[in-house]
Amino acid sequence: MTWRGWHVLVVVLLTAVLAAGTALIAAQRAGRAAEVSARQMCGVVVALDDAYREAPPQTPAGQRIADSIAALRTEFGCP
């Protein structure tokens, strides 16, 4: 392989490594943002679930909502 061929190969490999690194950093930041969002949602879910536990709903629709909120609390791992 000629000098120019090696040069092209090195440039392509470096570009691939940089692109992979950028993708990993972006994925890591997105994961952190999702964790923060879930923690913020915990406050809302806990407040709703506590309210539904104190005064259980009287209608079937209300009961389904209360069950969904309780399931979300468990899914998010809220206290």
PDB file of N, CA and C in Angstrom:
ATOM      1  N   MET A   1       0.855  -1.177   0.000  1.00  0.00           N
ATOM      2  CA  MET A   1       0.000   0.000   0.000  1.00  0.00           C
ATOM      3  C   MET A   1       0.895   1.232   0.000  1.00  0.00           C
ATOM      4  N   THR A   2       0.486   2.230  -0.716  1.00  0.00           N
ATOM      5  CA  THR A   2       1.280   3.453  -0.835  1.00  0.00           C
ATOM      6  C   THR A   2       1.119   4.316   0.413  1.00  0.00           C
ATOM      7  N   TRP A   3       1.979   5.327   0.480  1.00  0.00           N
ATOM      8  CA  TRP A   3       1.915   6.266   1.605  1.00  0.00           C
ATOM      9  C   TRP A   3       0.549   6.946   1.665  1.00  0.00           C
ATOM     10  N   ARG A   4       0.027   7.317   0.531  1.00  0.00           N
ATOM     11  CA  ARG A   4      -1.285   7.980   0.478  1.00  0.00           C
ATOM     12  C   ARG A   4      -2.383   7.030   0.953  1.00  0.00           C
ATOM     13  N   GLY A   5      -2.287   5.773   0.621  1.00  0.00           N
ATOM     14  CA  GLY A   5      -3.273   4.787   1.065  1.00  0.00           C
ATOM     15  C   GLY A   5      -3.282   4.642   2.578  1.00  0.00           C
ATOM     16  N   TRP A   6      -2.071   4.592   3.173  1.00  0.00           N
ATOM     17  CA  TRP A   6      -1.987   4.508   4.633  1.00  0.00           C
ATOM     18  C   TRP A   6      -2.549   5.772   5.288  1.00  0.00           C
ATOM     19  N   HIS A   7      -2.270   6.883   4.695  1.00  0.00           N
ATOM     20  CA  HIS A   7      -2.769   8.157   5.221  1.00  0.00           C
ATOM     21  C   HIS A   7      -4.306   8.168   5.225  1.00  0.00           C
ATOM     22  N   VAL A   8      -4.912   7.742   4.154  1.00  0.00           N
ATOM     23  CA  VAL A   8      -6.379   7.685   4.056  1.00  0.00           C
ATOM     24  C   VAL A   8      -6.930   6.711   5.086  1.00  0.00           C
ATOM     25  N   LEU A   9      -6.295   5.567   5.236  1.00  0.00           N
ATOM     26  CA  LEU A   9      -6.748   4.564   6.199  1.00  0.00           C
ATOM     27  C   LEU A   9      -6.714   5.104   7.627  1.00  0.00           C
ATOM     28  N   VAL A  10      -5.637   5.787   7.993  1.00  0.00           N
ATOM     29  CA  VAL A  10      -5.505   6.363   9.332  1.00  0.00           C
ATOM     30  C   VAL A  10      -6.578   7.428   9.566  1.00  0.00           C
ATOM     31  N   VAL A  11      -6.817   8.270   8.586  1.00  0.00           N
ATOM     32  CA  VAL A  11      -7.832   9.320   8.721  1.00  0.00           C
ATOM     33  C   VAL A  11      -9.223   8.695   8.901  1.00  0.00           C
ATOM     34  N   VAL A  12      -9.522   7.670   8.148  1.00  0.00           N
ATOM     35  CA  VAL A  12     -10.830   7.013   8.260  1.00  0.00           C
ATOM     36  C   VAL A  12     -10.981   6.362   9.625  1.00  0.00           C
ATOM     37  N   LEU A  13      -9.950   5.670  10.095  1.00  0.00           N
ATOM     38  CA  LEU A  13     -10.024   5.026  11.409  1.00  0.00           C
ATOM     39  C   LEU A  13     -10.167   6.050  12.536  1.00  0.00           C
ATOM     40  N   LEU A  14      -9.419   7.140  12.459  1.00  0.00           N
ATOM     41  CA  LEU A  14      -9.540   8.192  13.484  1.00  0.00           C
ATOM     42  C   LEU A  14     -10.937   8.811  13.475  1.00  0.00           C
ATOM     43  N   THR A  15     -11.480   9.018  12.317  1.00  0.00           N
ATOM     44  CA  THR A  15     -12.831   9.570  12.212  1.00  0.00           C
ATOM     45  C   THR A  15     -13.847   8.617  12.834  1.00  0.00           C
ATOM     46  N   ALA A  16     -13.691   7.332  12.591  1.00  0.00           N
ATOM     47  CA  ALA A  16     -14.607   6.341  13.162  1.00  0.00           C
ATOM     48  C   ALA A  16     -14.507   6.323  14.686  1.00  0.00           C
ATOM     49  N   VAL A  17     -13.296   6.389  15.213  1.00  0.00           N
ATOM     50  CA  VAL A  17     -13.104   6.393  16.670  1.00  0.00           C
ATOM     51  C   VAL A  17     -13.719   7.650  17.280  1.00  0.00           C
ATOM     52  N   LEU A  18     -13.512   8.787  16.670  1.00  0.00           N
ATOM     53  CA  LEU A  18     -14.097  10.033  17.177  1.00  0.00           C
ATOM     54  C   LEU A  18     -15.628   9.995  17.122  1.00  0.00           C
ATOM     55  N   ALA A  19     -16.177   9.444  16.062  1.00  0.00           N
ATOM     56  CA  ALA A  19     -17.633   9.349  15.949  1.00  0.00           C
ATOM     57  C   ALA A  19     -18.196   8.426  17.024  1.00  0.00           C
ATOM     58  N   ALA A  20     -17.528   7.310  17.285  1.00  0.00           N
ATOM     59  CA  ALA A  20     -17.987   6.385  18.323  1.00  0.00           C
ATOM     60  C   ALA A  20     -17.912   7.046  19.702  1.00  0.00           C
ATOM     61  N   GLY A  21     -16.837   7.763  19.957  1.00  0.00           N
ATOM     62  CA  GLY A  21     -16.700   8.468  21.231  1.00  0.00           C
ATOM     63  C   GLY A  21     -17.785   9.513  21.425  1.00  0.00           C
ATOM     64  N   THR A  22     -18.093  10.249  20.384  1.00  0.00           N
ATOM     65  CA  THR A  22     -19.140  11.260  20.443  1.00  0.00           C
ATOM     66  C   THR A  22     -20.497  10.607  20.711  1.00  0.00           C
ATOM     67  N   ALA A  23     -20.750   9.484  20.077  1.00  0.00           N
ATOM     68  CA  ALA A  23     -22.018   8.777  20.287  1.00  0.00           C
ATOM     69  C   ALA A  23     -22.133   8.280  21.723  1.00  0.00           C
ATOM     70  N   LEU A  24     -21.055   7.765  22.284  1.00  0.00           N
ATOM     71  CA  LEU A  24     -21.085   7.295  23.673  1.00  0.00           C
ATOM     72  C   LEU A  24     -21.346   8.442  24.650  1.00  0.00           C
ATOM     73  N   ILE A  25     -20.699   9.561  24.434  1.00  0.00           N
ATOM     74  CA  ILE A  25     -20.905  10.721  25.310  1.00  0.00           C
ATOM     75  C   ILE A  25     -22.346  11.221  25.214  1.00  0.00           C
ATOM     76  N   ALA A  26     -22.888  11.277  24.019  1.00  0.00           N
ATOM     77  CA  ALA A  26     -24.271  11.722  23.844  1.00  0.00           C
ATOM     78  C   ALA A  26     -25.249  10.769  24.521  1.00  0.00           C
ATOM     79  N   ALA A  27     -25.014   9.477  24.415  1.00  0.00           N
ATOM     80  CA  ALA A  27     -25.894   8.494  25.055  1.00  0.00           C
ATOM     81  C   ALA A  27     -25.825   8.609  26.570  1.00  0.00           C
ATOM     82  N   GLN A  28     -24.636   8.843  27.086  1.00  0.00           N
ATOM     83  CA  GLN A  28     -24.467   8.990  28.531  1.00  0.00           C
ATOM     84  C   GLN A  28     -25.214  10.224  29.045  1.00  0.00           C
ATOM     85  N   ARG A  29     -25.110  11.311  28.333  1.00  0.00           N
ATOM     86  CA  ARG A  29     -25.823  12.537  28.745  1.00  0.00           C
ATOM     87  C   ARG A  29     -27.332  12.355  28.662  1.00  0.00           C
ATOM     88  N   ALA A  30     -27.810  11.652  27.654  1.00  0.00           N
ATOM     89  CA  ALA A  30     -29.248  11.402  27.525  1.00  0.00           C
ATOM     90  C   ALA A  30     -29.741  10.531  28.680  1.00  0.00           C
ATOM     91  N   GLY A  31     -28.941   9.564  29.085  1.00  0.00           N
ATOM     92  CA  GLY A  31     -29.305   8.718  30.220  1.00  0.00           C
ATOM     93  C   GLY A  31     -29.418   9.506  31.507  1.00  0.00           C
ATOM     94  N   ARG A  32     -28.483  10.424  31.713  1.00  0.00           N
ATOM     95  CA  ARG A  32     -28.549  11.271  32.919  1.00  0.00           C
ATOM     96  C   ARG A  32     -29.791  12.154  32.903  1.00  0.00           C
ATOM     97  N   ALA A  33     -30.114  12.694  31.751  1.00  0.00           N
ATOM     98  CA  ALA A  33     -31.295  13.549  31.636  1.00  0.00           C
ATOM     99  C   ALA A  33     -32.561  12.749  31.928  1.00  0.00           C
ATOM    100  N   ALA A  34     -32.618  11.509  31.499  1.00  0.00           N
ATOM    101  CA  ALA A  34     -33.786  10.662  31.766  1.00  0.00           C
ATOM    102  C   ALA A  34     -33.911  10.371  33.254  1.00  0.00           C
ATOM    103  N   GLU A  35     -32.784  10.154  33.943  1.00  0.00           N
ATOM    104  CA  GLU A  35     -32.820   9.906  35.383  1.00  0.00           C
ATOM    105  C   GLU A  35     -33.342  11.126  36.130  1.00  0.00           C
ATOM    106  N   VAL A  36     -32.881  12.304  35.747  1.00  0.00           N
ATOM    107  CA  VAL A  36     -33.341  13.539  36.391  1.00  0.00           C
ATOM    108  C   VAL A  36     -34.835  13.717  36.163  1.00  0.00           C
ATOM    109  N   SER A  37     -35.291  13.458  34.957  1.00  0.00           N
ATOM    110  CA  SER A  37     -36.708  13.585  34.633  1.00  0.00           C
ATOM    111  C   SER A  37     -37.548  12.619  35.473  1.00  0.00           C
ATOM    112  N   ALA A  38     -37.091  11.384  35.627  1.00  0.00           N
ATOM    113  CA  ALA A  38     -37.823  10.397  36.427  1.00  0.00           C
ATOM    114  C   ALA A  38     -37.885  10.826  37.886  1.00  0.00           C
ATOM    115  N   ARG A  39     -36.784  11.377  38.423  1.00  0.00           N
ATOM    116  CA  ARG A  39     -36.792  11.852  39.810  1.00  0.00           C
ATOM    117  C   ARG A  39     -37.770  12.996  39.992  1.00  0.00           C
ATOM    118  N   GLN A  40     -37.834  13.895  39.013  1.00  0.00           N
ATOM    119  CA  GLN A  40     -38.766  15.014  39.101  1.00  0.00           C
ATOM    120  C   GLN A  40     -40.200  14.507  39.046  1.00  0.00           C
ATOM    121  N   MET A  41     -40.457  13.505  38.235  1.00  0.00           N
ATOM    122  CA  MET A  41     -41.802  12.941  38.128  1.00  0.00           C
ATOM    123  C   MET A  41     -42.213  12.227  39.415  1.00  0.00           C
ATOM    124  N   CYS A  42     -41.244  11.718  40.166  1.00  0.00           N
ATOM    125  CA  CYS A  42     -41.559  11.027  41.415  1.00  0.00           C
ATOM    126  C   CYS A  42     -42.352  11.928  42.357  1.00  0.00           C
ATOM    127  N   GLY A  43     -42.004  13.190  42.425  1.00  0.00           N
ATOM    128  CA  GLY A  43     -42.733  14.103  43.307  1.00  0.00           C
ATOM    129  C   GLY A  43     -44.200  14.189  42.941  1.00  0.00           C
ATOM    130  N   VAL A  44     -44.482  14.272  41.654  1.00  0.00           N
ATOM    131  CA  VAL A  44     -45.871  14.350  41.190  1.00  0.00           C
ATOM    132  C   VAL A  44     -46.596  13.031  41.438  1.00  0.00           C
ATOM    133  N   VAL A  45     -45.945  11.928  41.103  1.00  0.00           N
ATOM    134  CA  VAL A  45     -46.569  10.609  41.246  1.00  0.00           C
ATOM    135  C   VAL A  45     -46.844  10.306  42.715  1.00  0.00           C
ATOM    136  N   VAL A  46     -45.909  10.607  43.597  1.00  0.00           N
ATOM    137  CA  VAL A  46     -46.097  10.349  45.027  1.00  0.00           C
ATOM    138  C   VAL A  46     -47.249  11.192  45.573  1.00  0.00           C
ATOM    139  N   ALA A  47     -47.303  12.451  45.178  1.00  0.00           N
ATOM    140  CA  ALA A  47     -48.386  13.318  45.658  1.00  0.00           C
ATOM    141  C   ALA A  47     -49.748  12.790  45.212  1.00  0.00           C
ATOM    142  N   LEU A  48     -49.854  12.392  43.962  1.00  0.00           N
ATOM    143  CA  LEU A  48     -51.125  11.854  43.466  1.00  0.00           C
ATOM    144  C   LEU A  48     -51.479  10.539  44.153  1.00  0.00           C
ATOM    145  N   ASP A  49     -50.497   9.651  44.279  1.00  0.00           N
ATOM    146  CA  ASP A  49     -50.764   8.354  44.891  1.00  0.00           C
ATOM    147  C   ASP A  49     -51.175   8.511  46.351  1.00  0.00           C
ATOM    148  N   ASP A  50     -50.505   9.386  47.075  1.00  0.00           N
ATOM    149  CA  ASP A  50     -50.873   9.626  48.476  1.00  0.00           C
ATOM    150  C   ASP A  50     -52.290  10.186  48.585  1.00  0.00           C
ATOM    151  N   ALA A  51     -52.634  11.099  47.677  1.00  0.00           N
ATOM    152  CA  ALA A  51     -53.988  11.668  47.701  1.00  0.00           C
ATOM    153  C   ALA A  51     -55.035  10.596  47.412  1.00  0.00           C
ATOM    154  N   TYR A  52     -54.763   9.715  46.449  1.00  0.00           N
ATOM    155  CA  TYR A  52     -55.711   8.646  46.131  1.00  0.00           C
ATOM    156  C   TYR A  52     -55.805   7.624  47.257  1.00  0.00           C
ATOM    157  N   ARG A  53     -54.726   7.421  48.007  1.00  0.00           N
ATOM    158  CA  ARG A  53     -54.772   6.484  49.139  1.00  0.00           C
ATOM    159  C   ARG A  53     -55.568   7.066  50.307  1.00  0.00           C
ATOM    160  N   GLU A  54     -55.449   8.393  50.516  1.00  0.00           N
ATOM    161  CA  GLU A  54     -56.185   9.032  51.604  1.00  0.00           C
ATOM    162  C   GLU A  54     -57.677   9.071  51.316  1.00  0.00           C
ATOM    163  N   ALA A  55     -58.044   9.377  50.084  1.00  0.00           N
ATOM    164  CA  ALA A  55     -59.449   9.457  49.694  1.00  0.00           C
ATOM    165  C   ALA A  55     -59.635   8.614  48.429  1.00  0.00           C
ATOM    166  N   PRO A  56     -59.878   7.315  48.597  1.00  0.00           N
ATOM    167  CA  PRO A  56     -60.005   6.442  47.425  1.00  0.00           C
ATOM    168  C   PRO A  56     -61.132   6.906  46.505  1.00  0.00           C
ATOM    169  N   PRO A  57     -60.926   6.785  45.211  1.00  0.00           N
ATOM    170  CA  PRO A  57     -61.951   7.209  44.258  1.00  0.00           C
ATOM    171  C   PRO A  57     -63.189   6.312  44.339  1.00  0.00           C
ATOM    172  N   GLN A  58     -64.328   6.883  43.986  1.00  0.00           N
ATOM    173  CA  GLN A  58     -65.593   6.164  44.098  1.00  0.00           C
ATOM    174  C   GLN A  58     -66.081   5.593  42.769  1.00  0.00           C
ATOM    175  N   THR A  59     -65.492   6.021  41.671  1.00  0.00           N
ATOM    176  CA  THR A  59     -65.956   5.560  40.363  1.00  0.00           C
ATOM    177  C   THR A  59     -64.955   4.553  39.779  1.00  0.00           C
ATOM    178  N   PRO A  60     -65.425   3.715  38.859  1.00  0.00           N
ATOM    179  CA  PRO A  60     -64.494   2.770  38.224  1.00  0.00           C
ATOM    180  C   PRO A  60     -63.354   3.479  37.475  1.00  0.00           C
ATOM    181  N   ALA A  61     -63.664   4.579  36.813  1.00  0.00           N
ATOM    182  CA  ALA A  61     -62.621   5.326  36.102  1.00  0.00           C
ATOM    183  C   ALA A  61     -61.596   5.875  37.090  1.00  0.00           C
ATOM    184  N   GLY A  62     -62.067   6.401  38.189  1.00  0.00           N
ATOM    185  CA  GLY A  62     -61.170   6.927  39.219  1.00  0.00           C
ATOM    186  C   GLY A  62     -60.300   5.831  39.810  1.00  0.00           C
ATOM    187  N   GLN A  63     -60.882   4.655  39.986  1.00  0.00           N
ATOM    188  CA  GLN A  63     -60.120   3.532  40.523  1.00  0.00           C
ATOM    189  C   GLN A  63     -59.025   3.089  39.544  1.00  0.00           C
ATOM    190  N   ARG A  64     -59.334   3.095  38.248  1.00  0.00           N
ATOM    191  CA  ARG A  64     -58.319   2.741  37.246  1.00  0.00           C
ATOM    192  C   ARG A  64     -57.176   3.748  37.263  1.00  0.00           C
ATOM    193  N   ILE A  65     -57.512   5.025  37.411  1.00  0.00           N
ATOM    194  CA  ILE A  65     -56.479   6.064  37.480  1.00  0.00           C
ATOM    195  C   ILE A  65     -55.613   5.848  38.717  1.00  0.00           C
ATOM    196  N   ALA A  66     -56.253   5.591  39.854  1.00  0.00           N
ATOM    197  CA  ALA A  66     -55.511   5.358  41.093  1.00  0.00           C
ATOM    198  C   ALA A  66     -54.593   4.150  40.957  1.00  0.00           C
ATOM    199  N   ASP A  67     -55.083   3.090  40.323  1.00  0.00           N
ATOM    200  CA  ASP A  67     -54.257   1.898  40.117  1.00  0.00           C
ATOM    201  C   ASP A  67     -53.071   2.206  39.209  1.00  0.00           C
ATOM    202  N   SER A  68     -53.303   3.019  38.175  1.00  0.00           N
ATOM    203  CA  SER A  68     -52.221   3.391  37.260  1.00  0.00           C
ATOM    204  C   SER A  68     -51.168   4.237  37.960  1.00  0.00           C
ATOM    205  N   ILE A  69     -51.606   5.148  38.799  1.00  0.00           N
ATOM    206  CA  ILE A  69     -50.665   5.996  39.544  1.00  0.00           C
ATOM    207  C   ILE A  69     -49.845   5.141  40.507  1.00  0.00           C
ATOM    208  N   ALA A  70     -50.493   4.186  41.180  1.00  0.00           N
ATOM    209  CA  ALA A  70     -49.767   3.297  42.090  1.00  0.00           C
ATOM    210  C   ALA A  70     -48.744   2.453  41.324  1.00  0.00           C
ATOM    211  N   ALA A  71     -49.107   1.998  40.126  1.00  0.00           N
ATOM    212  CA  ALA A  71     -48.186   1.223  39.307  1.00  0.00           C
ATOM    213  C   ALA A  71     -46.995   2.081  38.872  1.00  0.00           C
ATOM    214  N   LEU A  72     -47.261   3.334  38.517  1.00  0.00           N
ATOM    215  CA  LEU A  72     -46.169   4.250  38.140  1.00  0.00           C
ATOM    216  C   LEU A  72     -45.218   4.475  39.300  1.00  0.00           C
ATOM    217  N   ARG A  73     -45.768   4.603  40.503  1.00  0.00           N
ATOM    218  CA  ARG A  73     -44.934   4.806  41.682  1.00  0.00           C
ATOM    219  C   ARG A  73     -43.985   3.644  41.853  1.00  0.00           C
ATOM    220  N   THR A  74     -44.486   2.434  41.678  1.00  0.00           N
ATOM    221  CA  THR A  74     -43.646   1.247  41.783  1.00  0.00           C
ATOM    222  C   THR A  74     -42.634   1.174  40.644  1.00  0.00           C
ATOM    223  N   GLU A  75     -43.095   1.464  39.436  1.00  0.00           N
ATOM    224  CA  GLU A  75     -42.222   1.399  38.245  1.00  0.00           C
ATOM    225  C   GLU A  75     -41.064   2.390  38.352  1.00  0.00           C
ATOM    226  N   PHE A  76     -41.345   3.615  38.816  1.00  0.00           N
ATOM    227  CA  PHE A  76     -40.308   4.628  38.942  1.00  0.00           C
ATOM    228  C   PHE A  76     -39.405   4.385  40.161  1.00  0.00           C
ATOM    229  N   GLY A  77     -39.847   3.518  41.079  1.00  0.00           N
ATOM    230  CA  GLY A  77     -39.076   3.269  42.287  1.00  0.00           C
ATOM    231  C   GLY A  77     -39.167   4.410  43.272  1.00  0.00           C
ATOM    232  N   CYS A  78     -40.292   5.113  43.264  1.00  0.00           N
ATOM    233  CA  CYS A  78     -40.483   6.245  44.178  1.00  0.00           C
ATOM    234  C   CYS A  78     -40.741   5.722  45.596  1.00  0.00           C
ATOM    235  N   PRO A  79     -40.344   6.497  46.593  1.00  0.00           N
ATOM    236  CA  PRO A  79     -40.565   6.074  48.000  1.00  0.00           C
ATOM    237  C   PRO A  79     -42.027   6.078  48.389  1.00  0.00           C
TER     238      PRO A  79
END
